[in-house]
C-alpha atoms as a PDB file:
ATOM      1  CA  UNK A   1     -82.943  25.246 -97.360  1.00  0.00           C
ATOM      2  CA  UNK A   2     -81.139  27.912 -95.334  1.00  0.00           C
ATOM      3  CA  UNK A   3     -83.245  26.936 -92.373  1.00  0.00           C
ATOM      4  CA  UNK A   4     -81.976  23.356 -92.610  1.00  0.00           C
ATOM      5  CA  UNK A   5     -78.375  24.524 -92.957  1.00  0.00           C
ATOM      6  CA  UNK A   6     -78.659  26.831 -89.946  1.00  0.00           C
ATOM      7  CA  UNK A   7     -80.339  24.093 -87.889  1.00  0.00           C
ATOM      8  CA  UNK A   8     -77.652  21.598 -88.844  1.00  0.00           C
ATOM      9  CA  UNK A   9     -74.860  24.074 -88.073  1.00  0.00           C
ATOM     10  CA  UNK A  10     -76.371  24.869 -84.706  1.00  0.00           C
ATOM     11  CA  UNK A  11     -76.689  21.182 -83.858  1.00  0.00           C
ATOM     12  CA  UNK A  12     -73.070  20.569 -84.829  1.00  0.00           C
ATOM     13  CA  UNK A  13     -71.924  23.589 -82.806  1.00  0.00           C
ATOM     14  CA  UNK A  14     -73.859  22.424 -79.754  1.00  0.00           C
ATOM     15  CA  UNK A  15     -72.382  18.947 -80.125  1.00  0.00           C
ATOM     16  CA  UNK A  16     -68.854  20.331 -80.455  1.00  0.00           C
ATOM     17  CA  UNK A  17     -69.325  22.622 -77.433  1.00  0.00           C
ATOM     18  CA  UNK A  18     -70.732  19.682 -75.422  1.00  0.00           C
ATOM     19  CA  UNK A  19     -67.834  17.497 -76.468  1.00  0.00           C
ATOM     20  CA  UNK A  20     -65.307  20.236 -75.573  1.00  0.00           C
ATOM     21  CA  UNK A  21     -66.938  20.770 -72.147  1.00  0.00           C
ATOM     22  CA  UNK A  22     -66.915  16.998 -71.488  1.00  0.00           C
ATOM     23  CA  UNK A  23     -63.255  16.641 -72.516  1.00  0.00           C
ATOM     24  CA  UNK A  24     -62.305  19.678 -70.421  1.00  0.00           C
ATOM     25  CA  UNK A  25     -64.071  18.303 -67.344  1.00  0.00           C
ATOM     26  CA  UNK A  26     -62.487  14.871 -67.875  1.00  0.00           C
ATOM     27  CA  UNK A  27     -59.010  16.514 -68.125  1.00  0.00           C
ATOM     28  CA  UNK A  28     -59.700  18.521 -64.954  1.00  0.00           C
ATOM     29  CA  UNK A  29     -60.860  15.402 -63.151  1.00  0.00           C
ATOM     30  CA  UNK A  30     -57.818  13.484 -64.396  1.00  0.00           C
ATOM     31  CA  UNK A  31     -55.453  16.234 -63.203  1.00  0.00           C
ATOM     32  CA  UNK A  32     -57.274  16.317 -59.870  1.00  0.00           C
ATOM     33  CA  UNK A  33     -56.965  12.565 -59.506  1.00  0.00           C
ATOM     34  CA  UNK A  34     -53.250  12.747 -60.314  1.00  0.00           C
ATOM     35  CA  UNK A  35     -52.844  15.518 -57.758  1.00  0.00           C
ATOM     36  CA  UNK A  36     -54.712  13.520 -55.105  1.00  0.00           C
ATOM     37  CA  UNK A  37     -52.653  10.426 -55.918  1.00  0.00           C
ATOM     38  CA  UNK A  38     -49.459  12.432 -55.599  1.00  0.00           C
ATOM     39  CA  UNK A  39     -50.582  13.971 -52.300  1.00  0.00           C
ATOM     40  CA  UNK A  40     -51.413  10.503 -50.978  1.00  0.00           C
ATOM     41  CA  UNK A  41     -48.025   9.192 -52.152  1.00  0.00           C
ATOM     42  CA  UNK A  42     -46.193  12.085 -50.472  1.00  0.00           C
ATOM     43  CA  UNK A  43     -48.191  11.686 -47.276  1.00  0.00           C
ATOM     44  CA  UNK A  44     -47.584   7.951 -47.149  1.00  0.00           C
ATOM     45  CA  UNK A  45     -43.847   8.489 -47.727  1.00  0.00           C
ATOM     46  CA  UNK A  46     -43.720  11.136 -44.976  1.00  0.00           C
ATOM     47  CA  UNK A  47     -45.517   8.894 -42.462  1.00  0.00           C
ATOM     48  CA  UNK A  48     -43.396   5.824 -43.262  1.00  0.00           C
ATOM     49  CA  UNK A  49     -40.157   7.817 -43.242  1.00  0.00           C
ATOM     50  CA  UNK A  50     -40.941   9.663 -39.994  1.00  0.00           C
ATOM     51  CA  UNK A  51     -41.994   6.415 -38.332  1.00  0.00           C
ATOM     52  CA  UNK A  52     -38.748   4.676 -39.267  1.00  0.00           C
ATOM     53  CA  UNK A  53     -36.624   7.688 -38.359  1.00  0.00           C
ATOM     54  CA  UNK A  54     -38.238   7.832 -34.908  1.00  0.00           C
ATOM     55  CA  UNK A  55     -37.690   4.087 -34.465  1.00  0.00           C
ATOM     56  CA  UNK A  56     -33.976   4.491 -35.215  1.00  0.00           C
ATOM     57  CA  UNK A  57     -33.695   7.567 -32.996  1.00  0.00           C
ATOM     58  CA  UNK A  58     -35.343   5.645 -30.147  1.00  0.00           C
ATOM     59  CA  UNK A  59     -32.857   2.816 -30.678  1.00  0.00           C
ATOM     60  CA  UNK A  60     -30.020   5.375 -30.467  1.00  0.00           C
ATOM     61  CA  UNK A  61     -31.464   6.815 -27.281  1.00  0.00           C
ATOM     62  CA  UNK A  62     -31.676   3.381 -25.649  1.00  0.00           C
ATOM     63  CA  UNK A  63     -28.047   2.558 -26.516  1.00  0.00           C
ATOM     64  CA  UNK A  64     -26.740   5.961 -25.470  1.00  0.00           C
ATOM     65  CA  UNK A  65     -28.840   5.781 -22.298  1.00  0.00           C
ATOM     66  CA  UNK A  66     -26.892   2.692 -21.226  1.00  0.00           C
ATOM     67  CA  UNK A  67     -23.630   4.647 -21.552  1.00  0.00           C
ATOM     68  CA  UNK A  68     -25.169   7.574 -19.687  1.00  0.00           C
ATOM     69  CA  UNK A  69     -26.205   5.348 -16.778  1.00  0.00           C
ATOM     70  CA  UNK A  70     -22.803   3.626 -16.675  1.00  0.00           C
ATOM     71  CA  UNK A  71     -21.054   7.011 -16.382  1.00  0.00           C
ATOM     72  CA  UNK A  72     -23.471   8.148 -13.707  1.00  0.00           C
ATOM     73  CA  UNK A  73     -22.792   5.133 -11.498  1.00  0.00           C
ATOM     74  CA  UNK A  74     -19.060   4.661 -12.083  1.00  0.00           C
ATOM     75  CA  UNK A  75     -17.687   7.255  -9.619  1.00  0.00           C
ATOM     76  CA  UNK A  76     -20.110   6.188  -6.910  1.00  0.00           C
ATOM     77  CA  UNK A  77     -19.045   2.545  -7.352  1.00  0.00           C
ATOM     78  CA  UNK A  78     -15.426   3.497  -6.736  1.00  0.00           C
ATOM     79  CA  UNK A  79     -16.242   5.615  -3.677  1.00  0.00           C
ATOM     80  CA  UNK A  80     -18.326   2.742  -2.250  1.00  0.00           C
ATOM     81  CA  UNK A  81     -15.434   0.310  -2.743  1.00  0.00           C
ATOM     82  CA  UNK A  82     -13.125   2.677  -0.887  1.00  0.00           C
ATOM     83  CA  UNK A  83     -15.711   3.232   1.893  1.00  0.00           C
ATOM     84  CA  UNK A  84     -16.007  -0.420   3.017  1.00  0.00           C
ATOM     85  CA  UNK A  85     -13.465  -2.518   4.882  1.00  0.00           C
ATOM     86  CA  UNK A  86     -14.091  -5.756   3.004  1.00  0.00           C
ATOM     87  CA  UNK A  87     -13.236  -6.429  -0.653  1.00  0.00           C
ATOM     88  CA  UNK A  88     -16.169  -6.167  -3.026  1.00  0.00           C
ATOM     89  CA  UNK A  89     -16.416  -6.881  -6.749  1.00  0.00           C
ATOM     90  CA  UNK A  90     -18.104  -4.293  -8.915  1.00  0.00           C
ATOM     91  CA  UNK A  91     -18.749  -5.399 -12.476  1.00  0.00           C
ATOM     92  CA  UNK A  92     -18.491  -1.879 -13.827  1.00  0.00           C
ATOM     93  CA  UNK A  93     -14.880  -1.804 -12.602  1.00  0.00           C
ATOM     94  CA  UNK A  94     -13.864  -4.859 -14.581  1.00  0.00           C
ATOM     95  CA  UNK A  95     -11.822  -3.237 -17.388  1.00  0.00           C
ATOM     96  CA  UNK A  96     -14.035  -0.132 -17.327  1.00  0.00           C
ATOM     97  CA  UNK A  97     -12.140   1.531 -20.196  1.00  0.00           C
ATOM     98  CA  UNK A  98     -13.000  -1.378 -22.467  1.00  0.00           C
ATOM     99  CA  UNK A  99     -16.629  -1.356 -21.281  1.00  0.00           C
ATOM    100  CA  UNK A 100     -16.841   2.366 -22.076  1.00  0.00           C
ATOM    101  CA  UNK A 101     -15.530   1.749 -25.585  1.00  0.00           C
ATOM    102  CA  UNK A 102     -17.973  -1.133 -26.089  1.00  0.00           C
ATOM    103  CA  UNK A 103     -20.943   0.898 -24.885  1.00  0.00           C
ATOM    104  CA  UNK A 104     -19.891   3.767 -27.140  1.00  0.00           C
ATOM    105  CA  UNK A 105     -19.421   1.436 -30.070  1.00  0.00           C
ATOM    106  CA  UNK A 106     -22.961   0.149 -29.600  1.00  0.00           C
ATOM    107  CA  UNK A 107     -24.305   3.709 -29.341  1.00  0.00           C
ATOM    108  CA  UNK A 108     -22.426   5.045 -32.358  1.00  0.00           C
ATOM    109  CA  UNK A 109     -23.629   2.140 -34.483  1.00  0.00           C
ATOM    110  CA  UNK A 110     -27.224   3.010 -33.652  1.00  0.00           C
ATOM    111  CA  UNK A 111     -26.593   6.721 -34.199  1.00  0.00           C
ATOM    112  CA  UNK A 112     -24.995   6.118 -37.599  1.00  0.00           C
ATOM    113  CA  UNK A 113     -27.816   3.788 -38.603  1.00  0.00           C
ATOM    114  CA  UNK A 114     -30.161   6.767 -38.229  1.00  0.00           C
ATOM    115  CA  UNK A 115     -27.874   9.116 -40.196  1.00  0.00           C
ATOM    116  CA  UNK A 116     -27.507   6.611 -43.047  1.00  0.00           C
ATOM    117  CA  UNK A 117     -31.286   6.232 -43.172  1.00  0.00           C
ATOM    118  CA  UNK A 118     -31.718  10.021 -43.122  1.00  0.00           C
ATOM    119  CA  UNK A 119     -29.338  10.412 -46.102  1.00  0.00           C
ATOM    120  CA  UNK A 120     -31.314   7.739 -47.995  1.00  0.00           C
ATOM    121  CA  UNK A 121     -34.543   9.705 -47.406  1.00  0.00           C
ATOM    122  CA  UNK A 122     -33.262  13.283 -47.465  1.00  0.00           C
ATOM    123  CA  UNK A 123     -35.760  14.248 -50.182  1.00  0.00           C
ATOM    124  CA  UNK A 124     -38.519  13.526 -47.669  1.00  0.00           C
ATOM    125  CA  UNK A 125     -36.647  14.913 -44.645  1.00  0.00           C
ATOM    126  CA  UNK A 126     -34.966  17.892 -46.365  1.00  0.00           C
ATOM    127  CA  UNK A 127     -36.283  20.425 -43.862  1.00  0.00           C
ATOM    128  CA  UNK A 128     -34.357  18.599 -41.092  1.00  0.00           C
ATOM    129  CA  UNK A 129     -30.961  18.745 -42.831  1.00  0.00           C
ATOM    130  CA  UNK A 130     -29.570  21.483 -40.563  1.00  0.00           C
ATOM    131  CA  UNK A 131     -30.670  19.549 -37.519  1.00  0.00           C
ATOM    132  CA  UNK A 132     -28.913  16.458 -38.812  1.00  0.00           C
ATOM    133  CA  UNK A 133     -25.722  18.434 -39.298  1.00  0.00           C
ATOM    134  CA  UNK A 134     -25.734  19.604 -35.655  1.00  0.00           C
ATOM    135  CA  UNK A 135     -26.409  15.986 -34.709  1.00  0.00           C
ATOM    136  CA  UNK A 136     -23.365  14.835 -36.652  1.00  0.00           C
ATOM    137  CA  UNK A 137     -21.196  17.680 -35.228  1.00  0.00           C
ATOM    138  CA  UNK A 138     -22.079  16.516 -31.705  1.00  0.00           C
ATOM    139  CA  UNK A 139     -21.225  12.926 -32.709  1.00  0.00           C
ATOM    140  CA  UNK A 140     -17.783  14.115 -33.777  1.00  0.00           C
ATOM    141  CA  UNK A 141     -17.228  15.878 -30.473  1.00  0.00           C
ATOM    142  CA  UNK A 142     -18.162  12.815 -28.423  1.00  0.00           C
ATOM    143  CA  UNK A 143     -15.794  10.647 -30.512  1.00  0.00           C
ATOM    144  CA  UNK A 144     -12.899  12.875 -29.448  1.00  0.00           C
ATOM    145  CA  UNK A 145     -13.930  12.860 -25.802  1.00  0.00           C
ATOM    146  CA  UNK A 146     -14.578   9.131 -25.522  1.00  0.00           C
ATOM    147  CA  UNK A 147     -11.108   8.321 -26.830  1.00  0.00           C
ATOM    148  CA  UNK A 148      -9.416  10.630 -24.312  1.00  0.00           C
ATOM    149  CA  UNK A 149     -11.628   9.520 -21.446  1.00  0.00           C
ATOM    150  CA  UNK A 150     -11.092   5.804 -22.124  1.00  0.00           C
ATOM    151  CA  UNK A 151      -7.326   6.323 -22.191  1.00  0.00           C
ATOM    152  CA  UNK A 152      -7.489   8.244 -18.899  1.00  0.00           C
ATOM    153  CA  UNK A 153      -9.747   5.622 -17.300  1.00  0.00           C
ATOM    154  CA  UNK A 154      -7.427   2.821 -18.445  1.00  0.00           C
ATOM    155  CA  UNK A 155      -4.509   4.558 -16.730  1.00  0.00           C
ATOM    156  CA  UNK A 156      -6.415   4.670 -13.437  1.00  0.00           C
ATOM    157  CA  UNK A 157      -7.560   1.080 -13.767  1.00  0.00           C
ATOM    158  CA  UNK A 158      -4.222  -0.535 -14.589  1.00  0.00           C
ATOM    159  CA  UNK A 159      -1.883   1.647 -12.549  1.00  0.00           C
ATOM    160  CA  UNK A 160      -4.075   2.176  -9.460  1.00  0.00           C
ATOM    161  CA  UNK A 161      -7.174   0.036  -9.189  1.00  0.00           C
ATOM    162  CA  UNK A 162      -5.635  -3.336  -9.995  1.00  0.00           C
ATOM    163  CA  UNK A 163      -2.734  -2.626  -7.691  1.00  0.00           C
ATOM    164  CA  UNK A 164      -5.083  -1.947  -4.813  1.00  0.00           C
ATOM    165  CA  UNK A 165      -3.987   1.695  -4.597  1.00  0.00           C
ATOM    166  CA  UNK A 166      -6.617   4.099  -3.336  1.00  0.00           C
ATOM    167  CA  UNK A 167      -7.045   7.324  -5.279  1.00  0.00           C
ATOM    168  CA  UNK A 168      -6.386  10.403  -3.230  1.00  0.00           C
ATOM    169  CA  UNK A 169      -9.273  12.821  -2.697  1.00  0.00           C
ATOM    170  CA  UNK A 170      -7.759  15.110  -5.297  1.00  0.00           C
ATOM    171  CA  UNK A 171      -7.402  12.245  -7.812  1.00  0.00           C
ATOM    172  CA  UNK A 172     -10.963  11.136  -7.030  1.00  0.00           C
ATOM    173  CA  UNK A 173     -12.222  14.660  -7.608  1.00  0.00           C
ATOM    174  CA  UNK A 174     -10.418  14.848 -10.968  1.00  0.00           C
ATOM    175  CA  UNK A 175     -11.875  11.472 -11.918  1.00  0.00           C
ATOM    176  CA  UNK A 176     -15.412  12.619 -11.052  1.00  0.00           C
ATOM    177  CA  UNK A 177     -14.942  15.844 -12.962  1.00  0.00           C
ATOM    178  CA  UNK A 178     -13.669  14.141 -16.108  1.00  0.00           C
ATOM    179  CA  UNK A 179     -16.479  11.560 -15.925  1.00  0.00           C
ATOM    180  CA  UNK A 180     -19.152  14.264 -15.479  1.00  0.00           C
ATOM    181  CA  UNK A 181     -17.686  16.341 -18.330  1.00  0.00           C
ATOM    182  CA  UNK A 182     -17.869  13.336 -20.651  1.00  0.00           C
ATOM    183  CA  UNK A 183     -21.386  12.576 -19.507  1.00  0.00           C
ATOM    184  CA  UNK A 184     -22.406  16.161 -20.284  1.00  0.00           C
ATOM    185  CA  UNK A 185     -21.723  15.453 -23.953  1.00  0.00           C
ATOM    186  CA  UNK A 186     -23.817  12.304 -23.706  1.00  0.00           C
ATOM    187  CA  UNK A 187     -26.650  14.276 -22.014  1.00  0.00           C
ATOM    188  CA  UNK A 188     -26.497  16.837 -24.829  1.00  0.00           C
ATOM    189  CA  UNK A 189     -26.737  14.134 -27.460  1.00  0.00           C
ATOM    190  CA  UNK A 190     -29.647  12.485 -25.656  1.00  0.00           C
ATOM    191  CA  UNK A 191     -31.341  15.890 -25.619  1.00  0.00           C
ATOM    192  CA  UNK A 192     -30.754  16.314 -29.376  1.00  0.00           C
ATOM    193  CA  UNK A 193     -32.308  12.899 -29.994  1.00  0.00           C
ATOM    194  CA  UNK A 194     -35.323  13.973 -27.968  1.00  0.00           C
ATOM    195  CA  UNK A 195     -35.568  17.231 -29.986  1.00  0.00           C
ATOM    196  CA  UNK A 196     -35.402  15.284 -33.263  1.00  0.00           C
ATOM    197  CA  UNK A 197     -38.220  12.945 -32.196  1.00  0.00           C
ATOM    198  CA  UNK A 198     -40.373  15.901 -31.129  1.00  0.00           C
ATOM    199  CA  UNK A 199     -39.818  17.852 -34.342  1.00  0.00           C
ATOM    200  CA  UNK A 200     -40.579  14.808 -36.519  1.00  0.00           C
ATOM    201  CA  UNK A 201     -43.830  14.146 -34.701  1.00  0.00           C
ATOM    202  CA  UNK A 202     -44.919  17.783 -34.662  1.00  0.00           C
ATOM    203  CA  UNK A 203     -44.050  18.323 -38.309  1.00  0.00           C
ATOM    204  CA  UNK A 204     -45.753  15.221 -39.791  1.00  0.00           C
ATOM    205  CA  UNK A 205     -48.424  14.193 -37.301  1.00  0.00           C
ATOM    206  CA  UNK A 206     -49.576  17.125 -35.153  1.00  0.00           C
ATOM    207  CA  UNK A 207     -52.096  18.471 -37.707  1.00  0.00           C
ATOM    208  CA  UNK A 208     -53.715  15.044 -38.086  1.00  0.00           C
ATOM    209  CA  UNK A 209     -54.113  14.557 -34.334  1.00  0.00           C
ATOM    210  CA  UNK A 210     -54.598  18.168 -33.250  1.00  0.00           C
ATOM    211  CA  UNK A 211     -51.806  18.012 -30.689  1.00  0.00           C
ATOM    212  CA  UNK A 212     -48.211  19.270 -30.604  1.00  0.00           C
ATOM    213  CA  UNK A 213     -45.529  18.049 -28.185  1.00  0.00           C
ATOM    214  CA  UNK A 214     -44.043  20.915 -26.167  1.00  0.00           C
ATOM    215  CA  UNK A 215     -40.491  21.834 -27.214  1.00  0.00           C
ATOM    216  CA  UNK A 216     -37.751  21.305 -24.635  1.00  0.00           C
ATOM    217  CA  UNK A 217     -36.936  24.481 -22.679  1.00  0.00           C
ATOM    218  CA  UNK A 218     -33.490  24.241 -20.997  1.00  0.00           C
ATOM    219  CA  UNK A 219     -33.111  26.258 -17.792  1.00  0.00           C
ATOM    220  CA  UNK A 220     -29.631  27.271 -18.944  1.00  0.00           C
ATOM    221  CA  UNK A 221     -29.632  29.175 -22.274  1.00  0.00           C
ATOM    222  CA  UNK A 222     -26.187  27.803 -23.174  1.00  0.00           C
ATOM    223  CA  UNK A 223     -27.825  24.485 -24.039  1.00  0.00           C
ATOM    224  CA  UNK A 224     -29.045  24.335 -27.617  1.00  0.00           C
ATOM    225  CA  UNK A 225     -32.458  23.044 -28.674  1.00  0.00           C
ATOM    226  CA  UNK A 226     -32.744  21.513 -32.153  1.00  0.00           C
ATOM    227  CA  UNK A 227     -35.587  23.042 -34.150  1.00  0.00           C
ATOM    228  CA  UNK A 228     -36.762  22.902 -37.739  1.00  0.00           C
ATOM    229  CA  UNK A 229     -35.781  26.146 -39.480  1.00  0.00           C
END
């Protein structure tokens, strides 16, 4: 009788232990599957977010690049007009102050489109928050400069250019200096956009592809490079 009881108890114990091991393994597998699903979700979100952020940054760079090119060519256009004996029409000097404002408006729209997207995905892009703040600070600086420059350019256009008055060499030098100073801010912003694109790619994609994009190295240390902290 005791032999039967002991045998039955042992069988029950083995069954319970087997059931417990099976349940434990199933729970471990379930937790592992949940972890893998979460990792896949996070990775997918990172890839999609980084891809869209880079697309918007590229759009900002293209718009701002048009303003940059306009500012590069504007002083030379005026000098060329003064250098020839016959009258020539230069499209960039048709209400240039208004063209500057329009180009900046296009650029700022693209720039803000990126910042709005960033704020809607900050949980994913949280490590770039400090970079975004520098980005916005530079945006604020350019807004101040573009307003002053447009006003100055309008004065030259309406009081001198339309009247056929030639700027003196001193006035021309001042004009070139102000234009270059404004364009320096644009260059800086274009550099920040480049830095942002590099950091996004290196952070989210470099491990997968085994390649990192070299970080910008300005020759002058006064120029800041945006990096992930």
